[in-house]
Amino acid sequence: MSKVDMISAQNEFLVKKWGRKIRAVESAIGPMDNHKRANLAVVLENTARRLHLNEAVLDNGATQSMDVGGNLGSYKRYALDMVAAVVPNVIANDIVSVQPIDGRVGMINYVSFRYGDTKGQAKEGQMFASALNMGNSDPNYTSTLVEGESLVVTSNAANLQWYKVIPGFTSVFNASGTLILKDTDANGRVGAANGNKIPLYDASGAAVSGASLDLVTGEIGGAAVTGFETGATATYRYNNEYAPLLGGNGGGPANAAEAINGEVSRGFYSHAVPQIQLDITSIPVVAQSRKLRALYSFDSAYELERAYGQDINTLLATEAAGEIAHEIDLEITFDLLRMAGAGAPVVWSKQQPYGVSVADHYDSFMAKLIEGSNTIFGATKKVQANFAVVGLGVASVMQVMRGFQPSGVTAVGPHLLGTLGQFKVYVSPDFPVNEFVLGYKGASFMDAGYVYAPYLPITPTDTVMLDDFAGRRGWATSYATKMVNNKMYVKGAITD
């Protein structure tokens, strides 16, 4: 079973196990996607292990809470509810990769895509797409064009690696890049074929005596062909609709007869179509903790419940959960702002030019956002920004721009403010007022440049009241963060 299948199977089991709490969360905040359900299930499992509390799945699909750790104390009833409140509501789910870990030292995963064959400038094993390092794509990898293929030369002969070769497009260059052979004459015409072979010409278009190109095997030779040396390259086209079984990794047949007759007598063979490989890359992370504690008097707790019907434990749990979620969001968004590395910050002046209306001038801010997005595009070669986290001053400009669509959400702390063009806009009241960061988050949970890896989102201690009548209670959270590709983010500012 592959690593992806193992992760998927484990997550499916935990989502079923914690189905009751997941459904309760969805009834409050709306449906979650499969990844968010799996994230919540993993951290609920982590917390349950820490608290020695298990929730068993019955035969009828229902769940039943079981205290398997002895006298646990009533405070632990709140722990799982607090986890369920915190995890789905951090904006991290929308702007970074969220990958729960099941231990203090855990592994986060990323998908990398690599070329499976050497074809032209593309090399076998070369990464062309990954959130870790976007790599570089070869524009000809899937086409019929093979450009700049390095030739392996033996005895004044060489073989093109992809066939059937299409006549009329082949050129051979020496190590200095000088044209030395081609398959068309001075008038651009292909010579008469001799079986599978066509004649070759020099740079001027004059025929090279006895030199030929075998269209089926890709062999260049047949005579004392000069100019072959280390570093020689060829550019040509091949027929990717021609599908005999070919030598391993896109290579050619053992000989002309094998190619013509389709006889396969050695090793592994594949069709003349280039392939890609998917790799799961793992990176170790270590969870760090945040802690806070609360003190309250016995008399205050009593009066609060008597006069207002408020239970001090419930009130403290709610506030603690909100504060921890708020701080996690702040840490992540400030990391993005501080570590953004796609390029130079984009800057827009709020100073209104003479003769330009406020509305028109504010709309010009969109040009700076697009500039920042294209900075990310240039740095990654793959993606453009699709979200922005902004301070209150930047939010005040965006909210009056003609294209802004408010979310209608009123929230405490960082939250989705609305959309502006291609950007989802999140406002953070603790951000520097006139600063913002642009970034990219893809549809896949692995497609981001920053990872938030929760371990124990929030865990409370027991309530303790000693003979001084002061109640004490603490909360802790444990999680890891990791910037894996800062080129997916660029910072910006508004000047006054």
Foldseek 3Di string as FASTA:
>chain_A
DDPVVVLVVVLVVLLLQCVVLQVVLCVPVNDDDSVLSSLLSLQLVLQCVVQVKGWGQDPVSDIDTDRPPPCRAPLVVCQSVLSSVQRVPFCCQVAAFEAAAADLKGKDKWKWKAWCADFAPHHHRFTCCILLANGNDDPCQQPQKGHFAFWDDDPQKTFDFFALFDAQFKWKAAQVRHTAKHQAAQVSHGADADVQWTFIAGPNRHTDPQWIARSQGRMTDRDNRPRDDGNMTMIGGHDQVDWQWADPRLGHHPDNVCRVVSDDDDDDTGTNGIDMDMDMDMDIWGKDKDKDKDKDFLVVQVCCCVVPVDHPSVVVSVVVSVVLSQVVSVVVFVCLQVLQDLDAAQEAEQDDDPPDDSQRNLLCVVVSQVVQQVSLCVSSVPGGFQEKEAEQQNVVSQVSHPQWDAPPDDDPAWDFGTDGVSYGYIYGHPPDRFKMKTFDDDPDSNNGQKYKHWHNQKDKDHWDADPVRMIMIMMMTIITMDGSDSSRMHMYGYHD
